Amino acid sequence: MVRVALPHGRHKVFRHLKLPSSRLLATAPGPPGPQLAAGARDYPWRQWYRLEKFLKTGQVVVIDGANGTEIQRRGGRPAETFSSGTAALVRPDLCQEVHQAYLESGADVIITNTYSANGNVMASSGNGGRVDECIMAASALARRAALNHVAEHAAQVAQVAASASAAASSSAAAVTAAAARATTSLQSNNAAQVSATGSLKSTRIAAESVNVALHAIEEVHAHAAAAKAAAAAALAASEGLPLPEATPPIEQPEPVRMKGWDSAGFGPSMIVASMSTHPPEMAAGGESSCNAKWPSPEIEERNYFQAARAIRLSGVDMLFLEMMKDSDHAPRAVRAAVSTGLPVFIGFSMRTDKDTGQLVQWSLGNDSVPATPEWFHNLTRILGANMVGVNVMHTDFGTMGPALKFIREDCGWQGPLGCYPDHGRFAAPDWIFQELCIEEAIECVESWIRDYDVKLIGGCCGLGPEYITALSAFTRRYNTEVRHRLNGTASA
């Protein structure tokens, strides 16, 4: 069994710094793309404000686990995972299956299968001309999974509401009978009052159940509209038609705390796009990208802008930039991310140098480039007002603590901070899975929340639904304690 190294020492706990509500949409050079209609960016920013409001309660959000490696674990071949960027096209069944598994495990945020969906990676398999189609399909699959998940819940609460309503109807009939039997005697009138009291309780329970069912159906209605819009965009992309905007046309209802379903009051699951600098055509058997077959810098950046255009139109709620791991390729992807106008979490990847023990950029995987505040600030400066948060991702458990400390203390980031570690190792084109001690992993998570004020937590390569289930259970307990503290009550 591979043991998880626990971080040592305690560190200063940071609190949120209120981010500006304004969102100046910075522009970056790149090829012209489809023009968005006026107000098209309002929807994702409303989703960000919902998330921001939730984070201010002090509660923690659960991000899903790995997509590509979970597809591999379920039988997907390298050409069907992140290595080719075409998972949404060649294995839509597994993509949706994995999304639904994470939703059932308790994930609040679902990341689309667009991690390596760009012309840099997809060109080698002859799919460079299907980037738009792939990204639109990935969004549609995630929306469909979310719809299925909430619809199943709605059916369950509707059955409860129906049973409660039937009980209320029966109790009302009993009241009618008791009232009809009542005379001038105290005993008969007492029986009628007892029956009426019971009927009132039953009717209140029924009314509450119906309200819960109504809220669930309102969520289904909004999810169905979003899934339809995403499906229409995916169909247009597959047939080479002009891409319509897949912005969900119906606003989700305000989050409501519901015991056993959404006790934290997070609201409907968020669908987040991924864009990364995953290297194309890495050498087989290793994790170094020193021999990756990159196109020229100009073509590489143009390919990121193409992916960004599709992401912008795909109707997602936000964008997670992933694998920002160097100072060469990362800026090109960041500039493209700005062009989406979406709220962006930028994801940094780091590792511990085997020889020196120093925290370094992930970079090529076999070099030693120190992680410096200048590296952090050079990239975040490009994002400007689009940047709403920072993630540390594709970073192992042993390195995660120092990496979070670097972001908080060395770089001075005081806004929303998330992390989703990996576990195992990459031997291109496959991920090598390693056994995980869940108990020690959760201890790590607890320390990251305590010491670095982490507010979003999930899993990256090698971590699947089993880990997210344990993470969700821990988070539910943690969030319950937070709510009790806010309300001034003792936790159960």
Protein backbone atom coordinates (compact mmCIF):
# COMPACT_ATOMS: atom_id res chain seq x y z
CA MET A 1 0.00 0.00 0.00
CA VAL A 2 1.23 3.44 -0.85
CA ARG A 3 1.10 5.65 2.25
CA VAL A 4 0.15 9.30 2.05
CA ALA A 5 2.66 11.71 3.53
CA LEU A 6 0.97 14.05 6.02
CA PRO A 7 2.02 17.71 6.06
CA HIS A 8 4.01 18.86 9.08
CA GLY A 9 3.48 21.94 11.20
CA ARG A 10 0.73 24.48 11.42
CA HIS A 11 0.42 27.55 9.29
CA LYS A 12 -1.47 30.78 9.36
CA VAL A 13 -5.11 30.49 8.33
CA PHE A 14 -6.16 32.98 5.67
CA ARG A 15 -9.62 34.40 5.19
CA HIS A 16 -11.33 35.35 1.98
CA LEU A 17 -10.60 38.67 0.42
CA LYS A 18 -13.73 40.05 -1.23
CA LEU A 19 -13.28 40.02 -4.98
CA PRO A 20 -14.50 42.95 -7.03
CA SER A 21 -17.98 42.44 -8.38
CA SER A 22 -17.11 44.17 -11.62
CA ARG A 23 -15.83 42.03 -14.47
CA LEU A 24 -13.88 43.92 -17.04
CA LEU A 25 -13.62 41.50 -19.94
CA ALA A 26 -10.02 41.78 -21.01
CA THR A 27 -9.17 41.06 -24.60
CA ALA A 28 -6.25 39.14 -26.00
CA PRO A 29 -4.93 38.77 -29.51
CA GLY A 30 -6.23 35.80 -31.38
CA PRO A 31 -8.23 34.72 -34.39
CA PRO A 32 -11.73 36.18 -34.68
CA GLY A 33 -14.56 33.88 -33.68
CA PRO A 34 -18.34 33.82 -33.37
CA GLN A 35 -19.72 36.95 -31.73
CA LEU A 36 -21.70 36.54 -28.53
CA ALA A 37 -25.08 38.20 -28.24
CA ALA A 38 -25.44 41.01 -25.73
CA GLY A 39 -25.63 39.61 -22.21
CA ALA A 40 -24.48 36.13 -23.20
CA ARG A 41 -21.85 36.16 -20.48
CA ASP A 42 -24.30 37.13 -17.73
CA TYR A 43 -25.37 33.55 -17.01
CA PRO A 44 -21.93 32.16 -16.05
CA TRP A 45 -21.17 35.20 -13.91
CA ARG A 46 -24.43 34.71 -12.04
CA GLN A 47 -23.28 31.15 -11.36
CA TRP A 48 -19.99 32.47 -10.04
CA TYR A 49 -21.80 34.89 -7.72
CA ARG A 50 -23.85 31.95 -6.44
CA LEU A 51 -20.67 30.01 -5.74
CA GLU A 52 -19.00 33.04 -4.17
CA LYS A 53 -21.99 33.52 -1.85
CA PHE A 54 -21.79 29.88 -0.80
CA LEU A 55 -18.04 30.06 -0.13
CA LYS A 56 -18.58 33.05 2.14
CA THR A 57 -20.58 30.81 4.47
CA GLY A 58 -17.32 28.98 5.24
CA GLN A 59 -18.57 25.71 3.80
CA VAL A 60 -16.57 23.51 1.43
CA VAL A 61 -17.45 22.50 -2.15
CA VAL A 62 -16.74 19.03 -3.55
CA ILE A 63 -15.20 18.89 -7.03
CA ASP A 64 -15.41 15.61 -8.95
CA GLY A 65 -12.52 13.22 -9.50
CA ALA A 66 -10.49 12.36 -12.58
CA ASN A 67 -12.28 11.87 -15.90
CA GLY A 68 -9.60 10.42 -18.17
CA THR A 69 -8.07 7.97 -15.73
CA GLU A 70 -11.51 6.84 -14.56
CA ILE A 71 -12.45 6.14 -18.18
CA GLN A 72 -9.22 4.11 -18.41
CA ARG A 73 -10.11 2.27 -15.19
CA ARG A 74 -13.46 1.34 -16.74
CA GLY A 75 -11.89 -0.14 -19.85
CA GLY A 76 -11.21 2.88 -22.03
CA ARG A 77 -8.15 2.69 -24.26
CA PRO A 78 -5.52 5.47 -24.48
CA ALA A 79 -7.18 6.79 -27.65
CA GLU A 80 -10.38 7.17 -25.61
CA THR A 81 -8.97 9.07 -22.62
CA PHE A 82 -7.14 12.35 -22.03
CA SER A 83 -4.20 11.22 -24.17
CA SER A 84 -6.11 11.96 -27.38
CA GLY A 85 -8.59 14.62 -26.28
CA THR A 86 -11.43 12.82 -28.09
CA ALA A 87 -13.16 11.01 -25.21
CA ALA A 88 -16.46 12.84 -25.71
CA LEU A 89 -16.54 11.71 -29.36
CA VAL A 90 -15.37 8.12 -29.13
CA ARG A 91 -16.70 7.06 -25.69
CA PRO A 92 -19.68 9.26 -24.82
CA ASP A 93 -21.13 6.33 -22.89
CA LEU A 94 -18.20 6.21 -20.48
CA CYS A 95 -18.00 10.00 -20.23
CA GLN A 96 -21.61 10.23 -19.06
CA GLU A 97 -21.26 7.16 -16.85
CA VAL A 98 -18.30 8.72 -15.04
CA HIS A 99 -20.07 12.06 -14.60
CA GLN A 100 -23.09 10.33 -13.09
CA ALA A 101 -20.88 8.26 -10.79
CA TYR A 102 -19.35 11.44 -9.39
CA LEU A 103 -22.75 13.08 -8.95
CA GLU A 104 -23.96 10.02 -7.06
CA SER A 105 -20.78 10.19 -4.96
CA GLY A 106 -21.68 13.71 -3.83
CA ALA A 107 -19.77 16.01 -6.19
CA ASP A 108 -21.04 19.59 -6.47
CA VAL A 109 -18.87 20.53 -9.45
CA ILE A 110 -18.56 18.43 -12.61
CA ILE A 111 -15.66 19.10 -15.00
CA THR A 112 -16.31 18.40 -18.68
CA ASN A 113 -14.15 16.06 -20.75
CA THR A 114 -12.35 18.91 -22.50
CA TYR A 115 -9.02 18.75 -20.65
CA SER A 116 -7.02 18.05 -23.82
CA ALA A 117 -9.69 18.86 -26.40
CA ASN A 118 -7.68 21.22 -28.60
CA GLY A 119 -5.91 21.12 -31.94
CA ASN A 120 -2.49 20.61 -30.36
CA VAL A 121 -3.46 17.19 -28.98
CA MET A 122 -6.24 16.12 -31.33
CA ALA A 123 -4.35 16.76 -34.59
CA SER A 124 -2.11 13.71 -34.20
CA SER A 125 -5.12 11.36 -34.41
CA GLY A 126 -6.56 13.16 -37.42
CA ASN A 127 -9.26 14.85 -35.35
CA GLY A 128 -7.85 18.37 -35.36
CA GLY A 129 -10.87 19.58 -37.30
CA ARG A 130 -13.35 18.25 -34.72
CA VAL A 131 -12.40 20.42 -31.73
CA ASP A 132 -15.68 22.36 -31.70
CA GLU A 133 -17.66 19.15 -32.02
CA CYS A 134 -15.74 17.49 -29.18
CA ILE A 135 -16.12 20.41 -26.77
CA MET A 136 -19.82 20.83 -27.49
CA ALA A 137 -20.40 17.09 -27.09
CA ALA A 138 -18.55 17.09 -23.75
CA SER A 139 -20.73 19.89 -22.41
CA ALA A 140 -23.89 18.14 -23.59
CA LEU A 141 -22.83 14.89 -21.88
CA ALA A 142 -22.19 16.65 -18.58
CA ARG A 143 -25.52 18.47 -18.77
CA ARG A 144 -27.31 15.21 -19.57
CA ALA A 145 -25.69 13.49 -16.57
CA ALA A 146 -26.75 16.34 -14.29
CA LEU A 147 -30.30 16.15 -15.66
CA ASN A 148 -30.50 12.40 -15.07
CA HIS A 149 -29.20 12.83 -11.52
CA VAL A 150 -31.66 15.53 -10.47
CA ALA A 151 -34.58 13.88 -12.28
CA GLU A 152 -34.05 10.67 -10.34
CA HIS A 153 -34.11 12.67 -7.10
CA ALA A 154 -37.24 14.54 -8.19
CA ALA A 155 -39.04 11.25 -8.85
CA GLN A 156 -38.21 10.04 -5.36
CA VAL A 157 -39.42 13.19 -3.59
CA ALA A 158 -42.55 13.25 -5.76
CA GLN A 159 -43.38 9.75 -4.52
CA VAL A 160 -42.89 10.90 -0.93
CA ALA A 161 -45.12 13.91 -1.59
CA ALA A 162 -47.79 11.67 -3.13
CA SER A 163 -47.74 9.37 -0.08
CA ALA A 164 -47.88 12.34 2.29
CA SER A 165 -50.79 13.85 0.35
CA ALA A 166 -52.66 10.53 0.46
CA ALA A 167 -52.14 10.38 4.23
CA ALA A 168 -53.38 13.96 4.59
CA SER A 169 -56.46 13.11 2.54
CA SER A 170 -57.21 10.11 4.73
CA SER A 171 -56.77 12.15 7.90
CA ALA A 172 -59.09 14.84 6.57
CA ALA A 173 -61.70 12.18 5.89
CA ALA A 174 -61.27 10.96 9.44
CA VAL A 175 -61.88 14.48 10.74
CA THR A 176 -65.08 14.69 8.72
CA ALA A 177 -66.30 11.44 10.21
CA ALA A 178 -65.34 12.47 13.75
CA ALA A 179 -67.09 15.82 13.35
CA ALA A 180 -70.24 14.12 12.07
CA ARG A 181 -70.32 11.89 15.18
CA ALA A 182 -69.77 14.76 17.59
CA THR A 183 -72.67 15.56 19.89
CA THR A 184 -72.99 17.82 22.91
CA SER A 185 -70.85 15.36 24.89
CA LEU A 186 -67.30 16.36 25.86
CA GLN A 187 -65.96 12.96 24.83
CA SER A 188 -67.18 13.14 21.24
CA ASN A 189 -65.96 16.69 20.80
CA ASN A 190 -62.59 15.76 22.27
CA ALA A 191 -62.29 12.96 19.71
CA ALA A 192 -63.04 15.40 16.90
CA GLN A 193 -60.38 17.81 18.17
CA VAL A 194 -57.76 15.04 18.42
CA SER A 195 -58.62 13.94 14.89
CA ALA A 196 -58.37 17.52 13.60
CA THR A 197 -54.99 18.03 15.28
CA GLY A 198 -53.66 14.90 13.63
CA SER A 199 -55.06 15.99 10.29
CA LEU A 200 -53.39 19.41 10.61
CA LYS A 201 -50.02 17.77 11.22
CA SER A 202 -50.51 15.42 8.27
CA THR A 203 -51.49 18.28 5.99
CA ARG A 204 -48.48 20.34 7.02
CA ILE A 205 -46.20 17.41 6.30
CA ALA A 206 -47.90 16.97 2.94
CA ALA A 207 -47.55 20.67 2.13
CA GLU A 208 -43.85 20.61 3.01
CA SER A 209 -43.34 17.49 0.88
CA VAL A 210 -45.14 19.09 -2.05
CA ASN A 211 -42.97 22.21 -1.76
CA VAL A 212 -39.83 20.04 -1.79
CA ALA A 213 -41.15 18.18 -4.82
CA LEU A 214 -41.98 21.47 -6.55
CA HIS A 215 -38.46 22.77 -5.98
CA ALA A 216 -36.99 19.51 -7.31
CA ILE A 217 -39.13 19.70 -10.44
CA GLU A 218 -38.11 23.33 -10.95
CA GLU A 219 -34.49 22.16 -10.89
CA VAL A 220 -35.32 19.40 -13.38
CA HIS A 221 -37.02 21.94 -15.63
CA ALA A 222 -33.94 24.19 -15.65
CA HIS A 223 -31.56 21.23 -16.12
CA ALA A 224 -33.67 19.93 -19.01
CA ALA A 225 -33.56 23.31 -20.74
CA ALA A 226 -29.78 23.49 -20.27
CA ALA A 227 -29.32 19.95 -21.59
CA LYS A 228 -31.48 20.73 -24.62
CA ALA A 229 -29.46 23.86 -25.42
CA ALA A 230 -26.19 21.94 -25.08
CA ALA A 231 -27.50 19.10 -27.25
CA ALA A 232 -28.57 21.55 -29.96
CA ALA A 233 -25.09 23.09 -29.99
CA ALA A 234 -23.48 19.65 -30.13
CA LEU A 235 -25.68 18.65 -33.06
CA ALA A 236 -24.83 21.84 -34.94
CA ALA A 237 -21.11 21.25 -34.38
CA SER A 238 -21.34 17.64 -35.58
CA GLU A 239 -23.07 18.74 -38.80
CA GLY A 240 -20.75 21.65 -39.47
CA LEU A 241 -23.44 24.26 -38.93
CA PRO A 242 -22.91 27.68 -37.28
CA LEU A 243 -22.56 27.20 -33.57
CA PRO A 244 -25.50 28.48 -31.51
CA GLU A 245 -25.02 29.68 -27.98
CA ALA A 246 -25.75 26.89 -25.50
CA THR A 247 -26.36 29.28 -22.60
CA PRO A 248 -29.01 27.67 -20.36
CA PRO A 249 -32.23 29.54 -21.14
CA ILE A 250 -33.92 29.02 -17.76
CA GLU A 251 -32.47 30.23 -14.48
CA GLN A 252 -32.08 27.64 -11.74
CA PRO A 253 -34.24 28.19 -8.63
CA GLU A 254 -32.55 29.73 -5.61
CA PRO A 255 -30.68 27.12 -3.52
CA VAL A 256 -32.73 25.65 -0.69
CA ARG A 257 -31.32 23.54 2.10
CA MET A 258 -32.95 20.12 1.97
CA LYS A 259 -32.10 17.42 4.47
CA GLY A 260 -30.67 14.33 2.82
CA TRP A 261 -30.20 16.04 -0.54
CA ASP A 262 -28.63 19.48 -0.25
CA SER A 263 -28.25 20.23 3.44
CA ALA A 264 -25.50 22.76 2.73
CA GLY A 265 -27.70 24.81 0.41
CA PHE A 266 -25.23 24.70 -2.49
CA GLY A 267 -27.89 24.43 -5.15
CA PRO A 268 -27.73 22.58 -8.49
CA SER A 269 -24.46 21.05 -9.61
CA MET A 270 -22.16 23.31 -11.61
CA ILE A 271 -20.79 22.29 -15.00
CA VAL A 272 -17.25 23.57 -15.49
CA ALA A 273 -15.12 23.35 -18.63
CA SER A 274 -11.47 22.34 -18.56
CA MET A 275 -8.66 23.65 -20.75
CA SER A 276 -5.08 22.57 -20.24
CA THR A 277 -1.58 22.55 -21.70
CA HIS A 278 -1.41 18.77 -21.88
CA PRO A 279 1.56 17.93 -24.15
CA PRO A 280 0.85 16.31 -27.52
CA GLU A 281 2.38 12.94 -28.46
CA MET A 282 4.44 12.31 -25.34
CA ALA A 283 7.08 9.59 -25.48
CA ALA A 284 5.71 6.22 -24.41
CA GLY A 285 6.40 4.86 -20.96
CA GLY A 286 7.29 8.00 -19.03
CA GLU A 287 5.86 11.19 -17.56
CA SER A 288 8.35 13.63 -19.07
CA SER A 289 7.13 15.88 -21.86
CA CYS A 290 10.61 16.93 -23.00
CA ASN A 291 10.12 15.12 -26.32
CA ALA A 292 6.48 16.11 -26.87
CA LYS A 293 5.71 17.14 -30.44
CA TRP A 294 4.49 20.69 -30.02
CA PRO A 295 3.50 22.82 -33.01
CA SER A 296 5.03 26.27 -33.38
CA PRO A 297 4.16 28.72 -30.57
CA GLU A 298 1.88 30.66 -32.93
CA ILE A 299 -0.11 27.57 -33.94
CA GLU A 300 -0.20 26.31 -30.36
CA GLU A 301 -1.74 29.54 -29.12
CA ARG A 302 -4.17 29.69 -32.03
CA ASN A 303 -5.35 26.20 -31.12
CA TYR A 304 -6.03 27.32 -27.55
CA PHE A 305 -8.06 30.24 -28.84
CA GLN A 306 -10.08 27.87 -31.02
CA ALA A 307 -10.86 25.69 -27.99
CA ALA A 308 -11.68 28.80 -25.95
CA ARG A 309 -14.25 29.91 -28.54
CA ALA A 310 -16.04 26.57 -28.35
CA ILE A 311 -15.93 26.58 -24.55
CA ARG A 312 -17.36 30.09 -24.55
CA LEU A 313 -20.34 28.93 -26.63
CA SER A 314 -20.85 25.57 -24.89
CA GLY A 315 -23.01 26.92 -22.07
CA VAL A 316 -20.73 25.94 -19.16
CA ASP A 317 -20.89 27.75 -15.84
CA MET A 318 -17.16 28.47 -15.46
CA LEU A 319 -13.72 27.52 -16.76
CA PHE A 320 -11.00 25.64 -14.90
CA LEU A 321 -7.58 26.23 -16.45
CA GLU A 322 -5.59 23.09 -15.65
CA MET A 323 -1.94 22.06 -15.70
CA MET A 324 -0.53 25.58 -15.64
CA LYS A 325 2.91 24.13 -15.03
CA ASP A 326 5.51 26.31 -16.73
CA SER A 327 6.27 29.75 -18.14
CA ASP A 328 6.35 28.71 -21.81
CA HIS A 329 3.06 27.04 -22.73
CA ALA A 330 0.90 28.27 -19.84
CA PRO A 331 0.75 31.96 -20.86
CA ARG A 332 -0.60 30.98 -24.28
CA ALA A 333 -3.47 29.05 -22.72
CA VAL A 334 -4.15 31.80 -20.18
CA ARG A 335 -4.45 34.43 -22.92
CA ALA A 336 -6.97 32.22 -24.69
CA ALA A 337 -8.92 31.73 -21.46
CA VAL A 338 -9.36 35.51 -21.14
CA SER A 339 -11.14 35.58 -24.51
CA THR A 340 -13.97 33.39 -23.15
CA GLY A 341 -15.15 36.12 -20.79
CA LEU A 342 -15.95 33.33 -18.30
CA PRO A 343 -15.12 33.26 -14.59
CA VAL A 344 -11.82 31.37 -14.41
CA PHE A 345 -10.10 29.31 -11.73
CA ILE A 346 -6.44 28.93 -12.69
CA GLY A 347 -4.94 25.55 -11.77
CA PHE A 348 -1.25 25.32 -10.92
CA SER A 349 0.64 22.00 -10.98
CA MET A 350 3.77 21.43 -8.92
CA ARG A 351 5.97 18.62 -7.67
CA THR A 352 8.78 18.02 -5.21
CA ASP A 353 12.26 17.77 -6.76
CA LYS A 354 13.57 14.28 -5.96
CA ASP A 355 17.15 15.47 -5.47
CA THR A 356 16.72 18.72 -3.55
CA GLY A 357 13.28 18.38 -1.95
CA GLN A 358 12.46 21.83 -3.38
CA LEU A 359 8.99 22.79 -4.58
CA VAL A 360 9.22 23.14 -8.35
CA GLN A 361 6.95 23.77 -11.31
CA TRP A 362 5.71 20.54 -12.85
CA SER A 363 7.21 21.79 -16.12
CA LEU A 364 8.67 18.96 -18.23
CA GLY A 365 8.43 16.44 -15.41
CA ASN A 366 12.17 15.78 -15.20
CA ASP A 367 13.67 19.27 -14.82
CA SER A 368 13.91 21.53 -11.78
CA VAL A 369 12.37 24.98 -12.29
CA PRO A 370 11.59 26.59 -8.91
CA ALA A 371 8.03 27.65 -8.18
CA THR A 372 8.30 31.40 -7.59
CA PRO A 373 5.82 34.19 -6.84
CA GLU A 374 6.87 35.78 -10.15
CA TRP A 375 5.65 32.71 -12.02
CA PHE A 376 2.30 32.89 -10.20
CA HIS A 377 1.82 36.62 -10.67
CA ASN A 378 2.87 36.66 -14.32
CA LEU A 379 0.10 34.20 -15.16
CA THR A 380 -2.62 35.61 -12.91
CA ARG A 381 -1.90 39.14 -14.17
CA ILE A 382 -2.90 38.01 -17.68
CA LEU A 383 -6.29 36.79 -16.44
CA GLY A 384 -7.16 40.08 -14.81
CA ALA A 385 -10.81 40.38 -13.76
CA ASN A 386 -11.65 36.98 -15.28
CA MET A 387 -9.75 35.31 -12.45
CA VAL A 388 -12.00 34.38 -9.54
CA GLY A 389 -10.01 31.60 -7.87
CA VAL A 390 -6.91 29.43 -7.74
CA ASN A 391 -6.67 25.64 -7.77
CA VAL A 392 -3.67 23.46 -7.08
CA MET A 393 -4.17 20.29 -9.13
CA HIS A 394 -2.29 17.32 -10.57
CA THR A 395 -0.03 17.58 -7.54
CA ASP A 396 0.53 14.58 -5.27
CA PHE A 397 -0.57 14.39 -1.64
CA GLY A 398 2.94 14.87 -0.28
CA THR A 399 3.51 18.04 -2.32
CA MET A 400 0.04 19.53 -1.92
CA GLY A 401 0.63 21.04 1.53
CA PRO A 402 3.80 22.94 0.53
CA ALA A 403 2.13 23.99 -2.74
CA LEU A 404 -0.87 25.44 -0.92
CA LYS A 405 1.46 27.19 1.51
CA PHE A 406 3.30 28.66 -1.48
CA ILE A 407 0.07 30.02 -2.96
CA ARG A 408 -1.16 31.49 0.33
CA GLU A 409 2.03 32.76 1.95
CA ASP A 410 4.61 33.30 -0.78
CA CYS A 411 2.21 34.54 -3.44
CA GLY A 412 -0.20 36.23 -1.06
CA TRP A 413 -3.37 34.86 -2.64
CA GLN A 414 -6.28 35.46 -0.26
CA GLY A 415 -9.21 34.60 -2.54
CA PRO A 416 -10.97 31.25 -3.08
CA LEU A 417 -8.52 28.36 -3.09
CA GLY A 418 -9.22 24.83 -4.24
CA CYS A 419 -7.15 21.69 -4.60
CA TYR A 420 -7.52 18.31 -6.23
CA PRO A 421 -4.50 16.01 -5.82
CA ASP A 422 -3.50 13.09 -7.99
CA HIS A 423 -2.37 9.63 -6.88
CA GLY A 424 -0.25 7.21 -8.88
CA ARG A 425 1.98 8.02 -11.82
CA PHE A 426 1.79 8.60 -15.55
CA ALA A 427 3.54 6.23 -17.93
CA ALA A 428 2.39 7.67 -21.25
CA PRO A 429 -0.17 6.98 -22.55
CA ASP A 430 -1.53 5.19 -19.45
CA TRP A 431 -2.00 6.07 -15.81
CA ILE A 432 -0.49 3.64 -13.30
CA PHE A 433 -2.92 3.30 -10.40
CA GLN A 434 -1.72 2.89 -6.83
CA GLU A 435 -3.69 1.91 -3.75
CA LEU A 436 -4.75 4.79 -1.54
CA CYS A 437 -5.22 4.87 2.23
CA ILE A 438 -8.51 6.79 2.39
CA GLU A 439 -8.18 7.58 6.09
CA GLU A 440 -4.81 9.28 5.63
CA ALA A 441 -6.03 11.06 2.51
CA ILE A 442 -8.94 12.57 4.46
CA GLU A 443 -6.52 13.61 7.21
CA CYS A 444 -4.59 15.51 4.54
CA VAL A 445 -7.78 17.15 3.32
CA GLU A 446 -8.68 18.20 6.85
CA SER A 447 -5.25 19.79 7.31
CA TRP A 448 -5.49 21.69 4.00
CA ILE A 449 -8.84 23.14 4.98
CA ARG A 450 -7.61 24.03 8.46
CA ASP A 451 -4.18 25.42 7.58
CA TYR A 452 -4.76 27.04 4.19
CA ASP A 453 -8.48 27.84 4.14
CA VAL A 454 -9.12 25.53 1.17
CA LYS A 455 -12.75 25.82 0.11
CA LEU A 456 -12.98 23.53 -2.93
CA ILE A 457 -11.65 19.98 -2.83
CA GLY A 458 -11.69 17.09 -5.30
CA GLY A 459 -9.50 14.55 -7.04
CA CYS A 460 -7.29 14.45 -10.11
CA CYS A 461 -5.60 11.59 -11.97
CA GLY A 462 -5.94 8.22 -10.26
CA LEU A 463 -8.71 9.28 -7.87
CA GLY A 464 -12.22 8.14 -8.68
CA PRO A 465 -15.73 7.84 -7.18
CA GLU A 466 -14.59 5.86 -4.13
CA TYR A 467 -12.37 8.76 -3.04
CA ILE A 468 -15.04 11.36 -3.86
CA THR A 469 -17.60 9.40 -1.80
CA ALA A 470 -15.29 9.51 1.24
CA LEU A 471 -14.49 13.15 0.57
CA SER A 472 -18.18 14.01 0.31
CA ALA A 473 -18.94 12.26 3.61
CA PHE A 474 -16.18 14.23 5.35
CA THR A 475 -17.35 17.47 3.76
CA ARG A 476 -20.95 16.94 4.85
CA ARG A 477 -19.81 16.55 8.45
CA TYR A 478 -17.53 19.56 8.17
CA ASN A 479 -20.22 21.75 6.60
CA THR A 480 -22.74 20.71 9.27
CA GLU A 481 -20.33 21.88 11.97
CA VAL A 482 -19.81 25.16 10.11
CA ARG A 483 -23.57 25.78 9.95
CA HIS A 484 -23.97 24.96 13.63
CA ARG A 485 -21.25 27.46 14.51
CA LEU A 486 -22.89 30.12 12.35
CA ASN A 487 -26.26 29.43 13.99
CA GLY A 488 -24.79 29.24 17.48
CA THR A 489 -25.99 25.70 18.05
CA ALA A 490 -24.14 22.55 19.08
CA SER A 491 -23.51 19.90 16.42
CA ALA A 492 -25.19 16.57 16.83
